[in-house]
Amino acid sequence: MKLSSEQIAQIKSWISKRGFTHTDVQYEIIDHVASAIEDKMEEKPKISLEGAFNEVHRSFGVYGFAEVEEAITSRLNKELWRSYWAAAKEILLSRKILIPILIGVLVHLLSKQFPINFDGIILGGILGFCVFTLVYAFREQRSKKYLKSYLSFRMSYGIIPIMASIVFNFRYLYLELVSPIWTAILLGILSLAMWAVFVGSKEMINKTEKLHKLYE
C-alpha cells in the first residue's frame, strides 16, 4: 500500500514529538521509514498507522532516529566544507584573488602612512567588520524565517558568527605580532576565508530554498 499525504503528515508529527524538529531531518527520516511502514501495514492489515510506526521506530534500536539525525548532520557538515573549499578555490583561481591581495597591500600602506594611529585603525576596522558581519547574518535570518526550521539553514548561518568571533579575537594575535607586514598578510588571508564562508553558506542556503519548495 502507498501512504497518503495525510498519513505522511501524521508520521511527521510523531517524529517531531520525539524531538526531531528540523524539517529536512523529519523528511529524511520519513524517507527511511515510509516503505518499512507500508510493508508492516501490508503484512498486518489490522495494524494501525501508529502501531506500524512504533514497530519501525523500535527496529532502529536504543537510539531510535538519533543515528539518522547524526548521519544527516555529518553529511550536511561535509557539504558545507565542500562549498567553502569550492568557493575558496574559485577565488584563488580567478581575478577575485586580487581583492584579498589589495586588502593586504592597503593595510601595509596604512602602516607606512599612519604609523602612530595604525593600531587604532586596524582594531577599529576589525570591530567594524565584525559588527557588519553579525548585522548581516541577523538580517538574513530574519528575512528567511520560513527556513529557520531547517537544520541546513541553521548550520549555514551558524558558522558566520563563529568566523566573526575568530576575526574579532585576531586583535589579540595582532597585538602580539606587532609587525605590520604580518598584520597585512593575515588580514588578507582572513578576508579570503570570510569571503569563502559567505559564498559557501549562500550556496547551502540556496539548496535549502529548493528543499523548502519541494517539501512545501
N, C-alpha and C. Protein backbone atom coordinates (compact mmCIF):
# COMPACT_ATOMS: atom_id res chain seq x y z
N MET A 1 0.83 -1.20 0.00
CA MET A 1 0.00 0.00 0.00
C MET A 1 0.87 1.25 0.00
N LYS A 2 0.29 2.34 -0.46
CA LYS A 2 1.00 3.62 -0.53
C LYS A 2 0.44 4.56 0.52
N LEU A 3 1.33 5.19 1.28
CA LEU A 3 0.89 6.13 2.32
C LEU A 3 0.31 7.39 1.68
N SER A 4 -0.77 7.89 2.26
CA SER A 4 -1.39 9.12 1.76
C SER A 4 -0.65 10.33 2.33
N SER A 5 -0.92 11.50 1.78
CA SER A 5 -0.27 12.73 2.28
C SER A 5 -0.68 13.01 3.72
N GLU A 6 -1.93 12.64 4.08
CA GLU A 6 -2.40 12.83 5.47
C GLU A 6 -1.63 11.92 6.42
N GLN A 7 -1.38 10.68 5.99
CA GLN A 7 -0.62 9.74 6.82
C GLN A 7 0.83 10.19 6.99
N ILE A 8 1.41 10.71 5.92
CA ILE A 8 2.79 11.22 5.99
C ILE A 8 2.87 12.41 6.95
N ALA A 9 1.84 13.28 6.90
CA ALA A 9 1.79 14.43 7.82
C ALA A 9 1.70 13.95 9.27
N GLN A 10 0.93 12.87 9.49
CA GLN A 10 0.80 12.31 10.84
C GLN A 10 2.13 11.73 11.32
N ILE A 11 2.83 11.03 10.43
CA ILE A 11 4.14 10.47 10.77
C ILE A 11 5.12 11.59 11.10
N LYS A 12 5.08 12.66 10.32
CA LYS A 12 5.93 13.83 10.56
C LYS A 12 5.68 14.41 11.95
N SER A 13 4.40 14.43 12.34
CA SER A 13 4.03 14.94 13.67
C SER A 13 4.60 14.05 14.77
N TRP A 14 4.53 12.74 14.60
CA TRP A 14 5.08 11.82 15.61
C TRP A 14 6.59 11.94 15.70
N ILE A 15 7.25 12.12 14.56
CA ILE A 15 8.71 12.30 14.56
C ILE A 15 9.07 13.57 15.33
N SER A 16 8.29 14.63 15.12
CA SER A 16 8.53 15.90 15.81
C SER A 16 8.37 15.74 17.32
N LYS A 17 7.37 14.97 17.75
CA LYS A 17 7.13 14.76 19.18
C LYS A 17 8.27 13.98 19.84
N ARG A 18 9.04 13.27 19.04
CA ARG A 18 10.19 12.54 19.58
C ARG A 18 11.45 13.40 19.61
N GLY A 19 11.29 14.69 19.33
CA GLY A 19 12.40 15.63 19.49
C GLY A 19 13.14 15.98 18.21
N PHE A 20 12.67 15.49 17.07
CA PHE A 20 13.33 15.78 15.79
C PHE A 20 12.52 16.86 15.08
N THR A 21 12.88 18.11 15.34
CA THR A 21 12.04 19.24 14.93
C THR A 21 12.47 19.91 13.63
N HIS A 22 13.64 19.57 13.11
CA HIS A 22 14.09 20.20 11.86
C HIS A 22 13.38 19.57 10.67
N THR A 23 12.82 20.41 9.82
CA THR A 23 12.01 19.93 8.70
C THR A 23 12.76 18.98 7.78
N ASP A 24 14.00 19.34 7.41
CA ASP A 24 14.75 18.47 6.50
C ASP A 24 15.10 17.14 7.14
N VAL A 25 15.35 17.15 8.45
CA VAL A 25 15.62 15.89 9.17
C VAL A 25 14.36 15.03 9.19
N GLN A 26 13.22 15.65 9.46
CA GLN A 26 11.95 14.91 9.51
C GLN A 26 11.67 14.19 8.19
N TYR A 27 11.85 14.91 7.09
CA TYR A 27 11.54 14.29 5.79
C TYR A 27 12.55 13.21 5.41
N GLU A 28 13.79 13.38 5.84
CA GLU A 28 14.77 12.32 5.57
C GLU A 28 14.45 11.07 6.39
N ILE A 29 13.98 11.28 7.63
CA ILE A 29 13.57 10.13 8.45
C ILE A 29 12.36 9.45 7.80
N ILE A 30 11.43 10.26 7.30
CA ILE A 30 10.26 9.70 6.61
C ILE A 30 10.70 8.85 5.42
N ASP A 31 11.70 9.34 4.67
CA ASP A 31 12.23 8.57 3.54
C ASP A 31 12.74 7.20 4.00
N HIS A 32 13.32 7.18 5.21
CA HIS A 32 13.87 5.92 5.75
C HIS A 32 12.76 4.97 6.22
N VAL A 33 11.68 5.53 6.78
CA VAL A 33 10.69 4.67 7.45
C VAL A 33 9.42 4.41 6.63
N ALA A 34 9.14 5.26 5.64
CA ALA A 34 7.87 5.16 4.91
C ALA A 34 7.66 3.78 4.29
N SER A 35 8.66 3.29 3.57
CA SER A 35 8.49 1.98 2.91
C SER A 35 8.36 0.86 3.94
N ALA A 36 9.09 0.99 5.07
CA ALA A 36 9.00 -0.03 6.13
C ALA A 36 7.61 -0.03 6.75
N ILE A 37 7.02 1.15 6.94
CA ILE A 37 5.67 1.24 7.49
C ILE A 37 4.66 0.65 6.50
N GLU A 38 4.84 0.94 5.23
CA GLU A 38 3.95 0.38 4.20
C GLU A 38 4.02 -1.15 4.22
N ASP A 39 5.23 -1.69 4.36
CA ASP A 39 5.40 -3.16 4.41
C ASP A 39 4.70 -3.75 5.64
N LYS A 40 4.85 -3.06 6.78
CA LYS A 40 4.21 -3.54 8.02
C LYS A 40 2.70 -3.60 7.87
N MET A 41 2.14 -2.56 7.24
CA MET A 41 0.69 -2.47 7.10
C MET A 41 0.16 -3.48 6.08
N GLU A 42 1.01 -3.89 5.16
CA GLU A 42 0.62 -4.94 4.21
C GLU A 42 0.70 -6.32 4.87
N GLU A 43 1.74 -6.50 5.71
CA GLU A 43 1.90 -7.78 6.42
C GLU A 43 0.80 -7.97 7.46
N LYS A 44 0.43 -6.87 8.13
CA LYS A 44 -0.58 -6.93 9.20
C LYS A 44 -1.70 -5.94 8.86
N PRO A 45 -2.67 -6.37 8.08
CA PRO A 45 -3.74 -5.46 7.63
C PRO A 45 -4.50 -4.78 8.76
N LYS A 46 -4.52 -5.40 9.95
CA LYS A 46 -5.29 -4.84 11.06
C LYS A 46 -4.49 -3.83 11.90
N ILE A 47 -3.19 -3.74 11.64
CA ILE A 47 -2.37 -2.83 12.44
C ILE A 47 -2.67 -1.38 12.08
N SER A 48 -2.64 -0.52 13.09
CA SER A 48 -2.89 0.90 12.84
C SER A 48 -1.62 1.57 12.32
N LEU A 49 -1.77 2.77 11.79
CA LEU A 49 -0.61 3.53 11.31
C LEU A 49 0.36 3.78 12.45
N GLU A 50 -0.18 4.16 13.62
CA GLU A 50 0.68 4.44 14.77
C GLU A 50 1.40 3.18 15.24
N GLY A 51 0.68 2.05 15.22
CA GLY A 51 1.29 0.79 15.62
C GLY A 51 2.44 0.41 14.69
N ALA A 52 2.22 0.58 13.38
CA ALA A 52 3.27 0.28 12.40
C ALA A 52 4.46 1.22 12.60
N PHE A 53 4.17 2.50 12.86
CA PHE A 53 5.24 3.48 13.08
C PHE A 53 6.07 3.10 14.31
N ASN A 54 5.39 2.72 15.40
CA ASN A 54 6.10 2.37 16.64
C ASN A 54 6.98 1.14 16.44
N GLU A 55 6.49 0.17 15.68
CA GLU A 55 7.29 -1.04 15.42
C GLU A 55 8.54 -0.69 14.61
N VAL A 56 8.36 0.15 13.61
CA VAL A 56 9.50 0.56 12.78
C VAL A 56 10.49 1.36 13.62
N HIS A 57 9.96 2.23 14.48
CA HIS A 57 10.83 3.04 15.35
C HIS A 57 11.66 2.15 16.26
N ARG A 58 11.04 1.11 16.82
CA ARG A 58 11.77 0.18 17.70
C ARG A 58 12.87 -0.56 16.94
N SER A 59 12.64 -0.78 15.64
CA SER A 59 13.63 -1.51 14.84
C SER A 59 14.93 -0.72 14.66
N PHE A 60 14.89 0.58 14.97
CA PHE A 60 16.09 1.42 14.86
C PHE A 60 16.99 1.29 16.09
N GLY A 61 16.54 0.51 17.08
CA GLY A 61 17.37 0.27 18.25
C GLY A 61 17.18 1.29 19.36
N VAL A 62 18.11 1.25 20.32
CA VAL A 62 18.02 2.08 21.53
C VAL A 62 17.97 3.57 21.19
N TYR A 63 18.76 4.00 20.23
CA TYR A 63 18.87 5.43 19.92
C TYR A 63 17.81 5.91 18.94
N GLY A 64 16.96 5.00 18.47
CA GLY A 64 15.88 5.41 17.57
C GLY A 64 16.39 6.14 16.34
N PHE A 65 15.78 7.29 16.08
CA PHE A 65 16.14 8.06 14.89
C PHE A 65 17.36 8.96 15.10
N ALA A 66 17.93 8.93 16.31
CA ALA A 66 19.06 9.81 16.61
C ALA A 66 20.24 9.54 15.69
N GLU A 67 20.45 8.27 15.35
CA GLU A 67 21.57 7.93 14.46
C GLU A 67 21.33 8.47 13.05
N VAL A 68 20.06 8.49 12.63
CA VAL A 68 19.73 9.06 11.31
C VAL A 68 20.04 10.55 11.32
N GLU A 69 19.62 11.25 12.40
CA GLU A 69 19.88 12.68 12.51
C GLU A 69 21.38 12.96 12.53
N GLU A 70 22.12 12.11 13.24
CA GLU A 70 23.58 12.28 13.31
C GLU A 70 24.21 12.13 11.93
N ALA A 71 23.72 11.15 11.17
CA ALA A 71 24.24 10.93 9.81
C ALA A 71 23.92 12.12 8.90
N ILE A 72 22.71 12.68 9.06
CA ILE A 72 22.31 13.85 8.27
C ILE A 72 23.19 15.05 8.61
N THR A 73 23.42 15.26 9.92
CA THR A 73 24.27 16.37 10.37
C THR A 73 25.68 16.23 9.81
N SER A 74 26.21 15.01 9.86
CA SER A 74 27.55 14.75 9.34
C SER A 74 27.61 15.03 7.84
N ARG A 75 26.58 14.60 7.11
CA ARG A 75 26.56 14.83 5.66
C ARG A 75 26.47 16.31 5.33
N LEU A 76 25.62 17.04 6.07
CA LEU A 76 25.47 18.48 5.83
C LEU A 76 26.77 19.22 6.14
N ASN A 77 27.45 18.78 7.20
CA ASN A 77 28.72 19.39 7.57
C ASN A 77 29.76 19.21 6.46
N LYS A 78 29.79 18.01 5.88
CA LYS A 78 30.72 17.75 4.77
C LYS A 78 30.35 18.59 3.54
N GLU A 79 29.04 18.73 3.29
CA GLU A 79 28.59 19.54 2.15
C GLU A 79 29.00 21.00 2.34
N LEU A 80 28.86 21.49 3.57
CA LEU A 80 29.25 22.88 3.86
C LEU A 80 30.73 23.09 3.60
N TRP A 81 31.57 22.18 4.11
CA TRP A 81 33.02 22.33 3.92
C TRP A 81 33.40 22.22 2.45
N ARG A 82 32.70 21.35 1.72
CA ARG A 82 32.96 21.28 0.27
C ARG A 82 32.61 22.60 -0.41
N SER A 83 31.51 23.23 0.05
CA SER A 83 31.11 24.53 -0.50
C SER A 83 32.15 25.59 -0.19
N TYR A 84 32.69 25.58 1.04
CA TYR A 84 33.71 26.56 1.42
C TYR A 84 34.97 26.40 0.57
N TRP A 85 35.42 25.14 0.42
CA TRP A 85 36.64 24.89 -0.35
C TRP A 85 36.44 25.24 -1.82
N ALA A 86 35.25 24.93 -2.34
CA ALA A 86 34.96 25.25 -3.75
C ALA A 86 34.98 26.77 -3.96
N ALA A 87 34.40 27.50 -2.99
CA ALA A 87 34.38 28.97 -3.08
C ALA A 87 35.80 29.53 -2.98
N ALA A 88 36.59 28.99 -2.04
CA ALA A 88 37.98 29.45 -1.88
C ALA A 88 38.80 29.17 -3.14
N LYS A 89 38.58 27.99 -3.72
CA LYS A 89 39.31 27.62 -4.95
C LYS A 89 38.94 28.56 -6.09
N GLU A 90 37.64 28.88 -6.19
CA GLU A 90 37.19 29.79 -7.25
C GLU A 90 37.84 31.17 -7.10
N ILE A 91 37.93 31.65 -5.85
CA ILE A 91 38.55 32.96 -5.60
C ILE A 91 40.04 32.92 -5.94
N LEU A 92 40.72 31.85 -5.49
CA LEU A 92 42.16 31.74 -5.70
C LEU A 92 42.54 31.64 -7.17
N LEU A 93 41.67 31.01 -7.97
CA LEU A 93 41.99 30.76 -9.38
C LEU A 93 41.35 31.77 -10.34
N SER A 94 40.87 32.87 -9.79
CA SER A 94 40.26 33.89 -10.65
C SER A 94 40.79 35.28 -10.26
N ARG A 95 40.30 36.28 -10.96
CA ARG A 95 40.72 37.65 -10.65
C ARG A 95 40.26 38.11 -9.27
N LYS A 96 39.33 37.37 -8.69
CA LYS A 96 38.82 37.74 -7.37
C LYS A 96 39.92 37.73 -6.31
N ILE A 97 40.99 36.97 -6.56
CA ILE A 97 42.09 36.90 -5.60
C ILE A 97 42.73 38.27 -5.40
N LEU A 98 42.53 39.16 -6.39
CA LEU A 98 43.12 40.50 -6.28
C LEU A 98 42.54 41.27 -5.09
N ILE A 99 41.29 40.97 -4.71
CA ILE A 99 40.67 41.73 -3.61
C ILE A 99 41.37 41.44 -2.27
N PRO A 100 41.55 40.15 -1.86
CA PRO A 100 42.32 39.91 -0.62
C PRO A 100 43.74 40.47 -0.69
N ILE A 101 44.36 40.37 -1.88
CA ILE A 101 45.72 40.91 -2.04
C ILE A 101 45.71 42.42 -1.83
N LEU A 102 44.72 43.10 -2.43
CA LEU A 102 44.62 44.56 -2.29
C LEU A 102 44.35 44.96 -0.84
N ILE A 103 43.58 44.14 -0.12
CA ILE A 103 43.34 44.42 1.30
C ILE A 103 44.66 44.37 2.07
N GLY A 104 45.46 43.33 1.79
CA GLY A 104 46.77 43.22 2.43
C GLY A 104 47.67 44.40 2.10
N VAL A 105 47.68 44.79 0.81
CA VAL A 105 48.51 45.92 0.38
C VAL A 105 48.04 47.22 1.05
N LEU A 106 46.71 47.40 1.11
CA LEU A 106 46.14 48.60 1.74
C LEU A 106 46.54 48.69 3.21
N VAL A 107 46.46 47.56 3.91
CA VAL A 107 46.85 47.53 5.33
C VAL A 107 48.32 47.91 5.48
N HIS A 108 49.15 47.37 4.59
CA HIS A 108 50.59 47.68 4.65
C HIS A 108 50.84 49.17 4.39
N LEU A 109 50.12 49.74 3.41
CA LEU A 109 50.27 51.17 3.10
C LEU A 109 49.82 52.03 4.27
N LEU A 110 48.74 51.60 4.94
CA LEU A 110 48.26 52.34 6.11
C LEU A 110 49.31 52.35 7.22
N SER A 111 50.02 51.23 7.36
CA SER A 111 51.06 51.16 8.40
C SER A 111 52.19 52.14 8.11
N LYS A 112 52.45 52.40 6.82
CA LYS A 112 53.51 53.34 6.44
C LYS A 112 53.03 54.78 6.54
N GLN A 113 51.75 54.98 6.15
CA GLN A 113 51.21 56.34 6.09
C GLN A 113 50.82 56.87 7.47
N PHE A 114 50.28 55.96 8.30
CA PHE A 114 49.81 56.39 9.64
C PHE A 114 50.41 55.49 10.72
N PRO A 115 51.72 55.54 10.91
CA PRO A 115 52.37 54.64 11.88
C PRO A 115 51.90 54.83 13.31
N ILE A 116 51.56 56.07 13.67
CA ILE A 116 51.14 56.34 15.06
C ILE A 116 49.73 55.82 15.31
N ASN A 117 48.83 56.03 14.34
CA ASN A 117 47.42 55.64 14.52
C ASN A 117 47.10 54.27 13.94
N PHE A 118 48.12 53.55 13.48
CA PHE A 118 47.89 52.29 12.77
C PHE A 118 47.14 51.27 13.63
N ASP A 119 47.56 51.13 14.90
CA ASP A 119 46.90 50.16 15.79
C ASP A 119 45.41 50.45 15.91
N GLY A 120 45.08 51.72 16.14
CA GLY A 120 43.68 52.11 16.29
C GLY A 120 42.88 51.87 15.02
N ILE A 121 43.49 52.14 13.86
CA ILE A 121 42.81 51.93 12.57
C ILE A 121 42.49 50.45 12.38
N ILE A 122 43.47 49.58 12.65
CA ILE A 122 43.28 48.14 12.46
C ILE A 122 42.23 47.59 13.42
N LEU A 123 42.36 47.95 14.69
CA LEU A 123 41.40 47.44 15.68
C LEU A 123 39.99 47.96 15.40
N GLY A 124 39.89 49.22 14.98
CA GLY A 124 38.58 49.78 14.62
C GLY A 124 38.00 49.09 13.40
N GLY A 125 38.87 48.80 12.41
CA GLY A 125 38.42 48.10 11.21
C GLY A 125 37.92 46.69 11.52
N ILE A 126 38.65 45.99 12.40
CA ILE A 126 38.24 44.64 12.80
C ILE A 126 36.89 44.68 13.51
N LEU A 127 36.73 45.62 14.43
CA LEU A 127 35.47 45.74 15.17
C LEU A 127 34.32 46.07 14.21
N GLY A 128 34.56 47.02 13.29
CA GLY A 128 33.53 47.40 12.33
C GLY A 128 33.12 46.23 11.44
N PHE A 129 34.11 45.45 11.00
CA PHE A 129 33.82 44.29 10.15
C PHE A 129 32.97 43.27 10.90
N CYS A 130 33.32 43.02 12.16
CA CYS A 130 32.58 42.03 12.96
C CYS A 130 31.14 42.47 13.18
N VAL A 131 30.94 43.76 13.46
CA VAL A 131 29.58 44.28 13.66
C VAL A 131 28.78 44.13 12.36
N PHE A 132 29.39 44.51 11.23
CA PHE A 132 28.73 44.38 9.93
C PHE A 132 28.33 42.93 9.66
N THR A 133 29.25 41.99 9.94
CA THR A 133 29.00 40.57 9.69
C THR A 133 27.83 40.06 10.50
N LEU A 134 27.80 40.40 11.78
CA LEU A 134 26.73 39.93 12.66
C LEU A 134 25.38 40.55 12.28
N VAL A 135 25.39 41.84 11.92
CA VAL A 135 24.14 42.50 11.49
C VAL A 135 23.63 41.86 10.21
N TYR A 136 24.56 41.58 9.28
CA TYR A 136 24.18 40.94 8.01
C TYR A 136 23.54 39.57 8.27
N ALA A 137 24.19 38.76 9.11
CA ALA A 137 23.67 37.42 9.40
C ALA A 137 22.30 37.51 10.06
N PHE A 138 22.14 38.46 10.99
CA PHE A 138 20.86 38.63 11.69
C PHE A 138 19.75 39.03 10.72
N ARG A 139 20.05 39.98 9.82
CA ARG A 139 19.04 40.44 8.85
C ARG A 139 18.66 39.34 7.87
N GLU A 140 19.66 38.56 7.44
CA GLU A 140 19.38 37.46 6.51
C GLU A 140 18.49 36.41 7.17
N GLN A 141 18.78 36.12 8.44
CA GLN A 141 17.96 35.14 9.15
C GLN A 141 16.53 35.62 9.31
N ARG A 142 16.36 36.91 9.59
CA ARG A 142 15.01 37.47 9.74
C ARG A 142 14.25 37.44 8.42
N SER A 143 14.97 37.68 7.31
CA SER A 143 14.30 37.73 6.00
C SER A 143 13.93 36.34 5.50
N LYS A 144 14.51 35.30 6.10
CA LYS A 144 14.22 33.93 5.67
C LYS A 144 13.71 33.10 6.85
N LYS A 145 12.76 33.68 7.59
CA LYS A 145 12.22 32.99 8.76
C LYS A 145 11.61 31.63 8.41
N TYR A 146 11.10 31.53 7.19
CA TYR A 146 10.45 30.29 6.77
C TYR A 146 11.45 29.13 6.64
N LEU A 147 12.76 29.43 6.69
CA LEU A 147 13.78 28.38 6.61
C LEU A 147 14.37 28.03 7.98
N LYS A 148 13.92 28.72 9.03
CA LYS A 148 14.52 28.54 10.35
C LYS A 148 14.36 27.12 10.89
N SER A 149 13.36 26.41 10.39
CA SER A 149 13.13 25.05 10.90
C SER A 149 14.03 24.02 10.21
N TYR A 150 14.88 24.47 9.27
CA TYR A 150 15.76 23.55 8.54
C TYR A 150 17.14 23.51 9.19
N LEU A 151 17.63 22.30 9.44
CA LEU A 151 18.96 22.14 10.02
C LEU A 151 20.03 22.71 9.10
N SER A 152 19.88 22.51 7.80
CA SER A 152 20.88 23.00 6.84
C SER A 152 20.99 24.52 6.90
N PHE A 153 19.87 25.21 7.11
CA PHE A 153 19.88 26.68 7.21
C PHE A 153 20.60 27.12 8.47
N ARG A 154 20.29 26.48 9.59
CA ARG A 154 20.93 26.84 10.86
C ARG A 154 22.43 26.61 10.82
N MET A 155 22.84 25.51 10.19
CA MET A 155 24.27 25.22 10.08
C MET A 155 24.97 26.23 9.17
N SER A 156 24.29 26.64 8.11
CA SER A 156 24.88 27.58 7.15
C SER A 156 25.19 28.93 7.79
N TYR A 157 24.24 29.44 8.58
CA TYR A 157 24.45 30.75 9.20
C TYR A 157 25.14 30.65 10.55
N GLY A 158 25.16 29.45 11.13
CA GLY A 158 25.82 29.28 12.42
C GLY A 158 27.31 29.54 12.36
N ILE A 159 27.93 29.28 11.20
CA ILE A 159 29.38 29.45 11.06
C ILE A 159 29.78 30.92 10.98
N ILE A 160 28.86 31.79 10.53
CA ILE A 160 29.22 33.20 10.31
C ILE A 160 29.56 33.92 11.62
N PRO A 161 28.73 33.81 12.69
CA PRO A 161 29.13 34.42 13.97
C PRO A 161 30.43 33.85 14.52
N ILE A 162 30.67 32.54 14.27
CA ILE A 162 31.92 31.92 14.73
C ILE A 162 33.12 32.56 14.03
N MET A 163 32.98 32.74 12.70
CA MET A 163 34.07 33.37 11.94
C MET A 163 34.27 34.82 12.39
N ALA A 164 33.17 35.52 12.67
CA ALA A 164 33.28 36.90 13.15
C ALA A 164 34.04 36.94 14.48
N SER A 165 33.77 35.95 15.33
CA SER A 165 34.46 35.86 16.62
C SER A 165 35.96 35.62 16.42
N ILE A 166 36.30 34.76 15.43
CA ILE A 166 37.71 34.49 15.14
C ILE A 166 38.41 35.76 14.68
N VAL A 167 37.74 36.51 13.78
CA VAL A 167 38.31 37.76 13.29
C VAL A 167 38.46 38.76 14.43
N PHE A 168 37.44 38.83 15.31
CA PHE A 168 37.48 39.76 16.44
C PHE A 168 38.64 39.43 17.37
N ASN A 169 38.84 38.13 17.63
CA ASN A 169 39.92 37.72 18.52
C ASN A 169 41.30 37.84 17.88
N PHE A 170 41.31 38.10 16.57
CA PHE A 170 42.57 38.34 15.88
C PHE A 170 43.29 39.55 16.47
N ARG A 171 42.53 40.47 17.08
CA ARG A 171 43.15 41.67 17.63
C ARG A 171 44.19 41.32 18.69
N TYR A 172 43.96 40.23 19.44
CA TYR A 172 44.93 39.81 20.45
C TYR A 172 46.20 39.28 19.77
N LEU A 173 45.99 38.48 18.71
CA LEU A 173 47.14 37.98 17.96
C LEU A 173 47.89 39.13 17.31
N TYR A 174 47.13 40.10 16.81
CA TYR A 174 47.75 41.26 16.16
C TYR A 174 48.66 42.01 17.13
N LEU A 175 48.18 42.19 18.35
CA LEU A 175 48.97 42.91 19.35
C LEU A 175 50.26 42.16 19.68
N GLU A 176 50.22 40.82 19.53
CA GLU A 176 51.42 40.02 19.77
C GLU A 176 52.38 40.12 18.58
N LEU A 177 51.80 40.14 17.36
CA LEU A 177 52.64 40.14 16.16
C LEU A 177 53.40 41.44 15.97
N VAL A 178 52.70 42.55 16.23
CA VAL A 178 53.27 43.89 16.11
C VAL A 178 53.66 44.23 14.67
N SER A 179 54.36 43.35 13.98
CA SER A 179 54.86 43.63 12.64
C SER A 179 53.73 43.94 11.67
N PRO A 180 53.71 45.12 11.05
CA PRO A 180 52.65 45.49 10.10
C PRO A 180 52.55 44.56 8.90
N ILE A 181 53.69 44.02 8.44
CA ILE A 181 53.67 43.15 7.26
C ILE A 181 52.91 41.86 7.55
N TRP A 182 53.10 41.31 8.78
CA TRP A 182 52.37 40.10 9.15
C TRP A 182 50.89 40.40 9.36
N THR A 183 50.60 41.59 9.87
CA THR A 183 49.21 42.01 10.02
C THR A 183 48.53 42.06 8.65
N ALA A 184 49.22 42.63 7.66
CA ALA A 184 48.68 42.74 6.31
C ALA A 184 48.44 41.35 5.70
N ILE A 185 49.39 40.44 5.87
CA ILE A 185 49.27 39.09 5.31
C ILE A 185 48.09 38.34 5.93
N LEU A 186 48.02 38.39 7.27
CA LEU A 186 46.96 37.64 7.95
C LEU A 186 45.57 38.22 7.68
N LEU A 187 45.46 39.54 7.58
CA LEU A 187 44.16 40.13 7.26
C LEU A 187 43.74 39.78 5.83
N GLY A 188 44.70 39.68 4.92
CA GLY A 188 44.39 39.24 3.56
C GLY A 188 43.87 37.82 3.55
N ILE A 189 44.51 36.94 4.33
CA ILE A 189 44.08 35.53 4.43
C ILE A 189 42.70 35.44 5.08
N LEU A 190 42.49 36.21 6.15
CA LEU A 190 41.19 36.20 6.84
C LEU A 190 40.07 36.70 5.93
N SER A 191 40.36 37.72 5.12
CA SER A 191 39.33 38.23 4.21
C SER A 191 38.97 37.18 3.16
N LEU A 192 39.97 36.43 2.70
CA LEU A 192 39.72 35.34 1.75
C LEU A 192 38.85 34.25 2.40
N ALA A 193 39.19 33.89 3.65
CA ALA A 193 38.43 32.85 4.36
C ALA A 193 36.99 33.28 4.59
N MET A 194 36.78 34.53 5.02
CA MET A 194 35.43 35.01 5.28
C MET A 194 34.61 35.06 3.99
N TRP A 195 35.24 35.48 2.91
CA TRP A 195 34.56 35.53 1.61
C TRP A 195 34.11 34.13 1.20
N ALA A 196 35.00 33.15 1.36
CA ALA A 196 34.66 31.76 1.01
C ALA A 196 33.51 31.25 1.88
N VAL A 197 33.51 31.61 3.16
CA VAL A 197 32.43 31.19 4.06
C VAL A 197 31.10 31.80 3.64
N PHE A 198 31.10 33.09 3.30
CA PHE A 198 29.87 33.74 2.86
C PHE A 198 29.32 33.07 1.60
N VAL A 199 30.19 32.85 0.62
CA VAL A 199 29.75 32.26 -0.65
C VAL A 199 29.27 30.82 -0.44
N GLY A 200 30.05 30.04 0.34
CA GLY A 200 29.67 28.65 0.61
C GLY A 200 28.36 28.55 1.37
N SER A 201 28.16 29.43 2.35
CA SER A 201 26.92 29.43 3.13
C SER A 201 25.73 29.80 2.24
N LYS A 202 25.95 30.77 1.36
CA LYS A 202 24.88 31.19 0.44
C LYS A 202 24.46 30.05 -0.47
N GLU A 203 25.45 29.28 -0.94
CA GLU A 203 25.14 28.14 -1.80
C GLU A 203 24.30 27.10 -1.05
N MET A 204 24.66 26.86 0.21
CA MET A 204 23.92 25.89 1.02
C MET A 204 22.49 26.38 1.27
N ILE A 205 22.34 27.67 1.47
CA ILE A 205 21.00 28.23 1.70
C ILE A 205 20.15 28.13 0.44
N ASN A 206 20.77 28.29 -0.72
CA ASN A 206 20.04 28.11 -1.99
C ASN A 206 19.52 26.68 -2.11
N LYS A 207 20.33 25.71 -1.66
CA LYS A 207 19.88 24.31 -1.67
C LYS A 207 18.71 24.12 -0.71
N THR A 208 18.78 24.81 0.44
CA THR A 208 17.69 24.72 1.42
C THR A 208 16.41 25.31 0.85
N GLU A 209 16.54 26.40 0.09
CA GLU A 209 15.38 27.02 -0.57
C GLU A 209 14.70 26.00 -1.50
N LYS A 210 15.51 25.26 -2.25
CA LYS A 210 14.97 24.26 -3.17
C LYS A 210 14.26 23.15 -2.40
N LEU A 211 14.87 22.73 -1.27
CA LEU A 211 14.23 21.71 -0.43
C LEU A 211 12.89 22.20 0.09
N HIS A 212 12.86 23.47 0.51
CA HIS A 212 11.63 24.06 1.05
C HIS A 212 10.52 24.03 0.00
N LYS A 213 10.85 24.38 -1.23
CA LYS A 213 9.85 24.37 -2.31
C LYS A 213 9.37 22.95 -2.59
N LEU A 214 10.30 21.99 -2.48
CA LEU A 214 9.95 20.59 -2.72
C LEU A 214 9.02 20.05 -1.64
N TYR A 215 9.34 20.36 -0.37
CA TYR A 215 8.57 19.83 0.75
C TYR A 215 7.23 20.53 0.93
N GLU A 216 7.23 21.84 0.67
CA GLU A 216 6.00 22.60 0.93
C GLU A 216 5.08 22.58 -0.28
